Structures are given as structure tokens and as C-alpha cells.
């Protein structure tokens, strides 16, 4: 190892913020031979979704805040597989429904809870919330959220 390479390796040690979990950066999460994920407009800033419109990189167990006017609550990424992402949440109000279009797309609801499984370039909805899986790779999904 060259001195320059050793210095670069040491430069990143011990300076990370261990307190805030973040998904891996989309370009760093790609598997060898797989296309890199696009850089989401809002990065990993889930707080951007509070407005009702965002494009974020997510991994399993991340909670996505959305405004109540979209008539959903407790939106969470349940899992990110090799080519699907599953999102779960709760309906607000009396209305419960949605749709799903695209590859490997399924939508299910039971009582006040919903589940969307989306493949790449698939879109699903729950009440007034629309979620598109822009791309999926390496345990990370780029999601675009907005009103229906």
C-alpha cells in the first residue's frame, strides 16, 4: 500500500456520525455489474417528505413522514429486496383504497393498514399518497412520493 493510499484509508476513520442512521448512498450501494442507482433529489433527507412531495433513498425499517392531508400515517419501509421494495402504513379517515401499476406491483389493505410492494418503475397508492419506486439495488430503493 502506498503512503497516499494509507492516508486516504485513515482519513475516514472515526469521523462519522454514529447517532443518525442513514441509508447507504445510492451510488455506493450498487452491486458489481449492476447499474448505479440515480441520485435522489432529496438524498436521504426523509424530512423533505413532510411537504407531501419528495424523492429519497431508503433502506429497510426507515419511517417516512407524510402530511395528514394525504390520509395516511405511519408509512414505513418494511423491506428492500433485490428488485422490490415493500412499504406499510395506516390509512387515516374513513376512506381506504389505492392502486398499483407496473412490474412486480401489488397492493393490499386490511382494516386500517396497507401494504405496497413495488418493483422498479412501479407506482402504488394508498388514499391520496402516490409512491413510485424509481430504482432498487443493493438494499436501497429510490422512492418518489407525492399526492395522487
N, C-alpha and C. Protein backbone atom coordinates (compact mmCIF):
# COMPACT_ATOMS: atom_id res chain seq x y z
N UNK A 1 0.85 -1.17 0.00
CA UNK A 1 0.00 0.00 0.00
C UNK A 1 0.90 1.23 0.00
N UNK A 2 0.57 2.18 -0.82
CA UNK A 2 1.36 3.41 -0.88
C UNK A 2 1.02 4.30 0.30
N UNK A 3 1.89 5.23 0.59
CA UNK A 3 1.64 6.17 1.69
C UNK A 3 0.37 6.96 1.44
N UNK A 4 0.16 7.39 0.20
CA UNK A 4 -1.05 8.16 -0.13
C UNK A 4 -2.30 7.33 0.10
N UNK A 5 -2.28 6.07 -0.30
CA UNK A 5 -3.44 5.20 -0.10
C UNK A 5 -3.70 4.97 1.38
N UNK A 6 -2.63 4.80 2.16
CA UNK A 6 -2.79 4.60 3.60
C UNK A 6 -3.40 5.84 4.25
N UNK A 7 -2.97 7.02 3.82
CA UNK A 7 -3.50 8.26 4.39
C UNK A 7 -4.98 8.42 4.04
N UNK A 8 -5.36 8.06 2.83
CA UNK A 8 -6.76 8.14 2.44
C UNK A 8 -7.60 7.17 3.25
N UNK A 9 -7.08 5.98 3.50
CA UNK A 9 -7.82 4.98 4.27
C UNK A 9 -8.03 5.46 5.70
N UNK A 10 -7.01 6.11 6.29
CA UNK A 10 -7.12 6.59 7.66
C UNK A 10 -7.96 7.85 7.78
N UNK A 11 -8.03 8.63 6.74
CA UNK A 11 -8.75 9.91 6.79
C UNK A 11 -10.22 9.74 7.13
N UNK A 12 -10.84 8.64 6.74
CA UNK A 12 -12.26 8.45 7.00
C UNK A 12 -12.55 7.81 8.34
N UNK A 13 -11.55 7.38 9.08
CA UNK A 13 -11.77 6.65 10.33
C UNK A 13 -12.22 7.58 11.45
N UNK A 14 -13.26 7.16 12.18
CA UNK A 14 -13.66 7.83 13.40
C UNK A 14 -14.32 9.18 13.23
N UNK A 15 -14.69 9.58 12.05
CA UNK A 15 -15.28 10.90 11.89
C UNK A 15 -16.75 10.86 11.52
N UNK A 16 -17.36 9.68 11.46
CA UNK A 16 -18.76 9.58 11.09
C UNK A 16 -19.68 9.92 12.24
N UNK A 17 -20.92 10.22 11.93
CA UNK A 17 -21.94 10.49 12.93
C UNK A 17 -22.68 9.19 13.19
N UNK A 18 -22.33 8.52 14.26
CA UNK A 18 -22.88 7.20 14.55
C UNK A 18 -24.33 7.28 15.02
N UNK A 19 -24.80 8.44 15.47
CA UNK A 19 -26.13 8.55 16.07
C UNK A 19 -27.26 8.54 15.07
N UNK A 20 -27.05 8.97 13.84
CA UNK A 20 -28.16 9.06 12.90
C UNK A 20 -28.02 8.04 11.79
N UNK A 21 -28.92 7.01 11.78
CA UNK A 21 -28.84 6.01 10.73
C UNK A 21 -29.22 6.60 9.39
N UNK A 22 -28.47 6.29 8.40
CA UNK A 22 -28.74 6.78 7.04
C UNK A 22 -28.59 5.63 6.08
N UNK A 23 -29.37 5.63 5.01
CA UNK A 23 -29.18 4.57 4.02
C UNK A 23 -27.85 4.80 3.32
N UNK A 24 -27.27 3.72 2.80
CA UNK A 24 -26.05 3.91 2.03
C UNK A 24 -26.34 4.83 0.86
N UNK A 25 -25.33 5.57 0.42
CA UNK A 25 -25.56 6.45 -0.73
C UNK A 25 -25.90 5.58 -1.92
N UNK A 26 -26.85 5.99 -2.76
CA UNK A 26 -27.29 5.15 -3.87
C UNK A 26 -26.16 4.68 -4.76
N UNK A 27 -25.21 5.53 -5.09
CA UNK A 27 -24.15 5.10 -5.99
C UNK A 27 -23.19 4.13 -5.32
N UNK A 28 -23.04 4.20 -3.99
CA UNK A 28 -22.13 3.31 -3.28
C UNK A 28 -22.75 1.95 -3.03
N UNK A 29 -24.06 1.82 -3.18
CA UNK A 29 -24.73 0.58 -2.82
C UNK A 29 -24.88 -0.39 -3.98
N UNK A 30 -24.46 -0.04 -5.14
CA UNK A 30 -24.65 -0.89 -6.29
C UNK A 30 -23.80 -2.13 -6.22
N UNK A 31 -24.38 -3.24 -6.65
CA UNK A 31 -23.65 -4.49 -6.74
C UNK A 31 -22.76 -4.45 -7.97
N UNK A 32 -21.63 -5.17 -7.93
CA UNK A 32 -20.78 -5.21 -9.12
C UNK A 32 -21.58 -5.69 -10.32
N UNK A 33 -21.45 -5.02 -11.43
CA UNK A 33 -22.16 -5.40 -12.65
C UNK A 33 -23.57 -4.85 -12.74
N UNK A 34 -24.08 -4.26 -11.66
CA UNK A 34 -25.42 -3.68 -11.66
C UNK A 34 -25.32 -2.19 -11.92
N UNK A 35 -26.34 -1.62 -12.57
CA UNK A 35 -26.30 -0.18 -12.79
C UNK A 35 -26.42 0.56 -11.47
N UNK A 36 -25.77 1.70 -11.36
CA UNK A 36 -25.85 2.52 -10.16
C UNK A 36 -27.23 3.13 -10.05
N UNK A 37 -27.68 3.34 -8.83
CA UNK A 37 -28.96 4.00 -8.61
C UNK A 37 -28.82 5.48 -8.93
N UNK A 38 -29.91 6.09 -9.40
CA UNK A 38 -29.87 7.54 -9.61
C UNK A 38 -29.80 8.25 -8.26
N UNK A 39 -29.22 9.42 -8.25
CA UNK A 39 -29.16 10.21 -7.02
C UNK A 39 -30.52 10.84 -6.78
N UNK A 40 -31.16 10.53 -5.63
CA UNK A 40 -32.48 11.11 -5.36
C UNK A 40 -32.38 12.61 -5.14
N UNK A 41 -33.40 13.33 -5.58
CA UNK A 41 -33.41 14.79 -5.48
C UNK A 41 -33.23 15.27 -4.05
N UNK A 42 -33.79 14.55 -3.07
CA UNK A 42 -33.69 14.95 -1.67
C UNK A 42 -32.70 14.10 -0.89
N UNK A 43 -31.89 13.31 -1.59
CA UNK A 43 -30.89 12.48 -0.92
C UNK A 43 -31.53 11.52 0.05
N UNK A 44 -31.02 11.49 1.29
CA UNK A 44 -31.60 10.65 2.34
C UNK A 44 -32.37 11.48 3.36
N UNK A 45 -32.73 12.71 2.98
CA UNK A 45 -33.44 13.63 3.87
C UNK A 45 -34.94 13.30 3.90
N UNK A 46 -35.31 12.37 4.77
CA UNK A 46 -36.71 11.96 4.86
C UNK A 46 -37.63 13.08 5.31
N UNK A 47 -37.10 14.06 6.03
CA UNK A 47 -37.90 15.20 6.47
C UNK A 47 -38.49 15.96 5.28
N UNK A 48 -37.85 15.86 4.12
CA UNK A 48 -38.37 16.52 2.92
C UNK A 48 -39.76 15.99 2.55
N UNK A 49 -40.07 14.78 2.96
CA UNK A 49 -41.36 14.16 2.63
C UNK A 49 -42.52 14.77 3.43
N UNK A 50 -42.22 15.53 4.47
CA UNK A 50 -43.28 16.16 5.26
C UNK A 50 -44.11 17.13 4.44
N UNK A 51 -43.58 17.60 3.33
CA UNK A 51 -44.33 18.52 2.47
C UNK A 51 -45.35 17.79 1.60
N UNK A 52 -45.17 16.48 1.46
CA UNK A 52 -46.06 15.70 0.61
C UNK A 52 -45.43 15.36 -0.73
N UNK A 53 -44.25 15.92 -1.03
CA UNK A 53 -43.53 15.62 -2.27
C UNK A 53 -42.05 15.46 -1.95
N UNK A 54 -41.48 14.33 -2.37
CA UNK A 54 -40.05 14.12 -2.16
C UNK A 54 -39.56 12.98 -3.05
N UNK A 55 -38.25 12.91 -3.18
CA UNK A 55 -37.59 11.79 -3.83
C UNK A 55 -36.39 11.46 -2.96
N UNK A 56 -36.42 10.29 -2.31
CA UNK A 56 -35.43 9.94 -1.30
C UNK A 56 -34.90 8.52 -1.49
N UNK A 57 -33.69 8.31 -0.98
CA UNK A 57 -33.12 6.98 -0.91
C UNK A 57 -33.47 6.39 0.44
N UNK A 58 -33.96 5.14 0.44
CA UNK A 58 -34.40 4.50 1.68
C UNK A 58 -33.87 3.07 1.76
N UNK A 59 -33.80 2.58 2.99
CA UNK A 59 -33.49 1.18 3.25
C UNK A 59 -34.52 0.66 4.25
N UNK A 60 -34.48 -0.63 4.55
CA UNK A 60 -35.47 -1.26 5.42
C UNK A 60 -35.55 -0.57 6.77
N UNK A 61 -36.75 -0.53 7.31
CA UNK A 61 -37.10 -0.01 8.63
C UNK A 61 -37.17 1.50 8.72
N UNK A 62 -36.92 2.21 7.64
CA UNK A 62 -36.98 3.68 7.69
C UNK A 62 -38.43 4.14 7.68
N UNK A 63 -38.74 5.12 8.54
CA UNK A 63 -40.08 5.71 8.60
C UNK A 63 -40.08 6.97 7.76
N UNK A 64 -41.12 7.12 6.95
CA UNK A 64 -41.24 8.26 6.04
C UNK A 64 -42.37 9.16 6.53
N UNK A 65 -42.05 10.38 6.97
CA UNK A 65 -43.11 11.29 7.43
C UNK A 65 -43.87 11.88 6.25
N UNK A 66 -45.19 11.83 6.31
CA UNK A 66 -46.02 12.43 5.26
C UNK A 66 -47.12 13.26 5.92
N UNK A 67 -47.60 14.30 5.24
CA UNK A 67 -48.65 15.13 5.84
C UNK A 67 -49.98 14.39 5.94
N UNK A 68 -50.73 14.71 6.98
CA UNK A 68 -52.02 14.05 7.22
C UNK A 68 -53.02 14.27 6.08
N UNK A 69 -52.86 15.36 5.33
CA UNK A 69 -53.81 15.63 4.23
C UNK A 69 -53.78 14.52 3.16
N UNK A 70 -52.73 13.70 3.14
CA UNK A 70 -52.68 12.58 2.19
C UNK A 70 -53.44 11.36 2.71
N UNK A 71 -54.00 11.49 3.91
CA UNK A 71 -54.86 10.47 4.53
C UNK A 71 -54.16 9.14 4.78
N UNK A 72 -52.87 9.21 5.10
CA UNK A 72 -52.12 8.03 5.53
C UNK A 72 -51.21 8.43 6.69
N UNK A 73 -50.77 7.41 7.44
CA UNK A 73 -49.92 7.65 8.60
C UNK A 73 -49.01 6.43 8.77
N UNK A 74 -47.98 6.61 9.55
CA UNK A 74 -47.06 5.52 9.89
C UNK A 74 -46.50 4.81 8.67
N UNK A 75 -46.07 5.57 7.67
CA UNK A 75 -45.51 4.99 6.45
C UNK A 75 -44.08 4.53 6.75
N UNK A 76 -43.82 3.24 6.51
CA UNK A 76 -42.51 2.68 6.84
C UNK A 76 -42.07 1.71 5.74
N UNK A 77 -40.77 1.73 5.46
CA UNK A 77 -40.19 0.77 4.52
C UNK A 77 -40.01 -0.53 5.29
N UNK A 78 -40.77 -1.54 4.91
CA UNK A 78 -40.69 -2.82 5.60
C UNK A 78 -39.46 -3.61 5.16
N UNK A 79 -39.22 -3.62 3.84
CA UNK A 79 -38.06 -4.36 3.33
C UNK A 79 -37.67 -3.84 1.95
N UNK A 80 -36.39 -4.03 1.63
CA UNK A 80 -35.89 -3.73 0.29
C UNK A 80 -35.16 -4.98 -0.17
N UNK A 81 -35.71 -5.64 -1.19
CA UNK A 81 -35.08 -6.83 -1.75
C UNK A 81 -34.22 -6.48 -2.94
N UNK A 82 -33.88 -7.49 -3.71
CA UNK A 82 -33.04 -7.26 -4.88
C UNK A 82 -33.78 -6.50 -5.98
N UNK A 83 -35.10 -6.69 -6.06
CA UNK A 83 -35.86 -5.99 -7.10
C UNK A 83 -37.26 -5.57 -6.68
N UNK A 84 -37.50 -5.52 -5.37
CA UNK A 84 -38.77 -5.00 -4.86
C UNK A 84 -38.53 -4.25 -3.56
N UNK A 85 -39.45 -3.33 -3.28
CA UNK A 85 -39.47 -2.62 -2.00
C UNK A 85 -40.89 -2.75 -1.46
N UNK A 86 -41.02 -3.03 -0.17
CA UNK A 86 -42.33 -3.16 0.46
C UNK A 86 -42.50 -2.05 1.49
N UNK A 87 -43.61 -1.33 1.35
CA UNK A 87 -43.94 -0.20 2.22
C UNK A 87 -45.25 -0.53 2.93
N UNK A 88 -45.31 -0.26 4.22
CA UNK A 88 -46.52 -0.48 5.00
C UNK A 88 -46.92 0.82 5.68
N UNK A 89 -48.19 0.91 6.05
CA UNK A 89 -48.67 2.10 6.73
C UNK A 89 -50.10 1.94 7.17
N UNK A 90 -50.66 3.04 7.64
CA UNK A 90 -52.05 3.05 8.10
C UNK A 90 -52.84 4.12 7.36
N UNK A 91 -54.08 3.77 7.05
CA UNK A 91 -55.00 4.75 6.47
C UNK A 91 -55.51 5.67 7.57
N UNK A 92 -55.75 6.92 7.23
CA UNK A 92 -56.42 7.85 8.13
C UNK A 92 -57.80 8.13 7.57
N UNK A 93 -58.76 8.37 8.44
CA UNK A 93 -60.11 8.69 7.98
C UNK A 93 -60.88 7.45 7.60
N UNK A 94 -62.02 7.68 6.96
CA UNK A 94 -62.91 6.58 6.61
C UNK A 94 -62.57 5.94 5.28
N UNK A 95 -61.86 6.66 4.43
CA UNK A 95 -61.55 6.15 3.10
C UNK A 95 -60.34 5.23 3.15
N UNK A 96 -60.43 4.09 2.46
CA UNK A 96 -59.30 3.17 2.37
C UNK A 96 -59.25 2.64 0.95
N UNK A 97 -58.16 2.87 0.27
CA UNK A 97 -58.07 2.36 -1.08
C UNK A 97 -56.79 2.82 -1.75
N UNK A 98 -56.56 2.24 -2.92
CA UNK A 98 -55.38 2.60 -3.68
C UNK A 98 -55.29 1.80 -4.95
N UNK A 99 -54.18 1.94 -5.63
CA UNK A 99 -53.95 1.22 -6.89
C UNK A 99 -52.49 0.82 -6.98
N UNK A 100 -52.18 0.02 -7.96
CA UNK A 100 -50.81 -0.40 -8.19
C UNK A 100 -50.63 -0.67 -9.69
N UNK A 101 -49.60 -0.08 -10.28
CA UNK A 101 -49.31 -0.32 -11.69
C UNK A 101 -47.81 -0.54 -11.87
N UNK A 102 -47.47 -1.45 -12.74
CA UNK A 102 -46.07 -1.70 -13.03
C UNK A 102 -45.67 -3.14 -12.77
N UNK A 103 -44.38 -3.38 -12.90
CA UNK A 103 -43.82 -4.72 -12.75
C UNK A 103 -43.67 -5.06 -11.28
N UNK A 104 -44.01 -6.30 -10.93
CA UNK A 104 -43.89 -6.79 -9.56
C UNK A 104 -44.58 -5.87 -8.57
N UNK A 105 -45.76 -5.42 -8.93
CA UNK A 105 -46.50 -4.45 -8.14
C UNK A 105 -47.70 -5.13 -7.49
N UNK A 106 -47.86 -4.94 -6.19
CA UNK A 106 -49.05 -5.44 -5.53
C UNK A 106 -49.46 -4.48 -4.42
N UNK A 107 -50.76 -4.41 -4.21
CA UNK A 107 -51.33 -3.51 -3.22
C UNK A 107 -52.33 -4.31 -2.41
N UNK A 108 -52.25 -4.19 -1.08
CA UNK A 108 -53.19 -4.90 -0.23
C UNK A 108 -53.54 -4.03 0.97
N UNK A 109 -54.75 -4.21 1.45
CA UNK A 109 -55.18 -3.48 2.64
C UNK A 109 -56.04 -4.38 3.50
N UNK A 110 -55.95 -4.17 4.81
CA UNK A 110 -56.75 -4.93 5.74
C UNK A 110 -57.11 -4.00 6.89
N UNK A 111 -58.40 -3.70 7.01
CA UNK A 111 -58.81 -2.75 8.04
C UNK A 111 -58.21 -1.39 7.76
N UNK A 112 -57.44 -0.88 8.68
CA UNK A 112 -56.82 0.44 8.53
C UNK A 112 -55.37 0.36 8.05
N UNK A 113 -54.88 -0.82 7.71
CA UNK A 113 -53.49 -0.97 7.30
C UNK A 113 -53.37 -1.27 5.81
N UNK A 114 -52.26 -0.80 5.22
CA UNK A 114 -52.00 -1.10 3.81
C UNK A 114 -50.57 -1.59 3.63
N UNK A 115 -50.36 -2.28 2.51
CA UNK A 115 -49.05 -2.78 2.13
C UNK A 115 -48.90 -2.62 0.62
N UNK A 116 -47.80 -1.97 0.21
CA UNK A 116 -47.48 -1.83 -1.21
C UNK A 116 -46.14 -2.51 -1.46
N UNK A 117 -46.11 -3.38 -2.46
CA UNK A 117 -44.85 -3.96 -2.91
C UNK A 117 -44.64 -3.48 -4.33
N UNK A 118 -43.50 -2.83 -4.56
CA UNK A 118 -43.23 -2.20 -5.84
C UNK A 118 -41.92 -2.70 -6.43
N UNK A 119 -41.95 -2.98 -7.73
CA UNK A 119 -40.73 -3.25 -8.47
C UNK A 119 -40.23 -1.96 -9.09
N UNK A 120 -39.08 -2.00 -9.75
CA UNK A 120 -38.55 -0.77 -10.37
C UNK A 120 -39.56 -0.15 -11.34
N UNK A 121 -39.69 1.15 -11.28
CA UNK A 121 -40.60 1.93 -12.13
C UNK A 121 -42.07 1.59 -11.93
N UNK A 122 -42.41 1.06 -10.77
CA UNK A 122 -43.80 0.78 -10.43
C UNK A 122 -44.33 1.87 -9.52
N UNK A 123 -45.65 2.09 -9.59
CA UNK A 123 -46.29 3.10 -8.76
C UNK A 123 -47.49 2.49 -8.05
N UNK A 124 -47.59 2.79 -6.77
CA UNK A 124 -48.74 2.36 -5.99
C UNK A 124 -49.27 3.53 -5.19
N UNK A 125 -50.49 3.39 -4.69
CA UNK A 125 -51.05 4.48 -3.89
C UNK A 125 -51.80 3.91 -2.70
N UNK A 126 -51.94 4.76 -1.71
CA UNK A 126 -52.79 4.50 -0.55
C UNK A 126 -53.48 5.81 -0.26
N UNK A 127 -54.82 5.80 -0.36
CA UNK A 127 -55.61 7.03 -0.25
C UNK A 127 -55.04 8.10 -1.17
N UNK A 128 -54.57 9.23 -0.65
CA UNK A 128 -54.09 10.31 -1.52
C UNK A 128 -52.57 10.32 -1.72
N UNK A 129 -51.87 9.29 -1.24
CA UNK A 129 -50.42 9.20 -1.36
C UNK A 129 -50.04 8.29 -2.52
N UNK A 130 -49.20 8.79 -3.41
CA UNK A 130 -48.66 8.01 -4.51
C UNK A 130 -47.17 7.77 -4.25
N UNK A 131 -46.72 6.53 -4.43
CA UNK A 131 -45.31 6.18 -4.24
C UNK A 131 -44.82 5.46 -5.49
N UNK A 132 -43.73 5.96 -6.06
CA UNK A 132 -43.09 5.32 -7.21
C UNK A 132 -41.72 4.82 -6.79
N UNK A 133 -41.43 3.56 -7.12
CA UNK A 133 -40.09 3.02 -6.91
C UNK A 133 -39.29 3.38 -8.16
N UNK A 134 -38.49 4.41 -8.07
CA UNK A 134 -37.70 4.88 -9.21
C UNK A 134 -36.67 3.83 -9.59
N UNK A 135 -35.98 3.26 -8.59
CA UNK A 135 -34.97 2.23 -8.81
C UNK A 135 -34.71 1.50 -7.50
N UNK A 136 -34.20 0.26 -7.61
CA UNK A 136 -33.92 -0.57 -6.45
C UNK A 136 -32.62 -1.30 -6.72
N UNK A 137 -31.72 -1.31 -5.72
CA UNK A 137 -30.46 -2.03 -5.89
C UNK A 137 -29.72 -2.08 -4.57
N UNK A 138 -29.14 -3.22 -4.26
CA UNK A 138 -28.25 -3.34 -3.12
C UNK A 138 -28.86 -2.99 -1.78
N UNK A 139 -30.14 -3.29 -1.55
CA UNK A 139 -30.77 -2.98 -0.28
C UNK A 139 -31.20 -1.53 -0.13
N UNK A 140 -31.13 -0.76 -1.21
CA UNK A 140 -31.54 0.64 -1.21
C UNK A 140 -32.55 0.85 -2.33
N UNK A 141 -33.59 1.64 -2.03
CA UNK A 141 -34.58 2.00 -3.05
C UNK A 141 -34.65 3.53 -3.15
N UNK A 142 -34.82 4.03 -4.35
CA UNK A 142 -35.08 5.45 -4.55
C UNK A 142 -36.59 5.55 -4.76
N UNK A 143 -37.26 6.26 -3.85
CA UNK A 143 -38.72 6.42 -3.91
C UNK A 143 -39.08 7.86 -4.20
N UNK A 144 -40.14 8.03 -5.01
CA UNK A 144 -40.71 9.36 -5.27
C UNK A 144 -42.12 9.35 -4.68
N UNK A 145 -42.37 10.25 -3.75
CA UNK A 145 -43.68 10.35 -3.11
C UNK A 145 -44.35 11.66 -3.50
N UNK A 146 -45.66 11.62 -3.63
CA UNK A 146 -46.43 12.80 -3.96
C UNK A 146 -47.90 12.52 -3.82
N UNK A 147 -48.73 13.53 -3.98
CA UNK A 147 -50.17 13.32 -3.95
C UNK A 147 -50.65 12.61 -5.21
N UNK A 148 -51.76 11.90 -5.08
CA UNK A 148 -52.36 11.21 -6.23
C UNK A 148 -52.93 12.24 -7.16
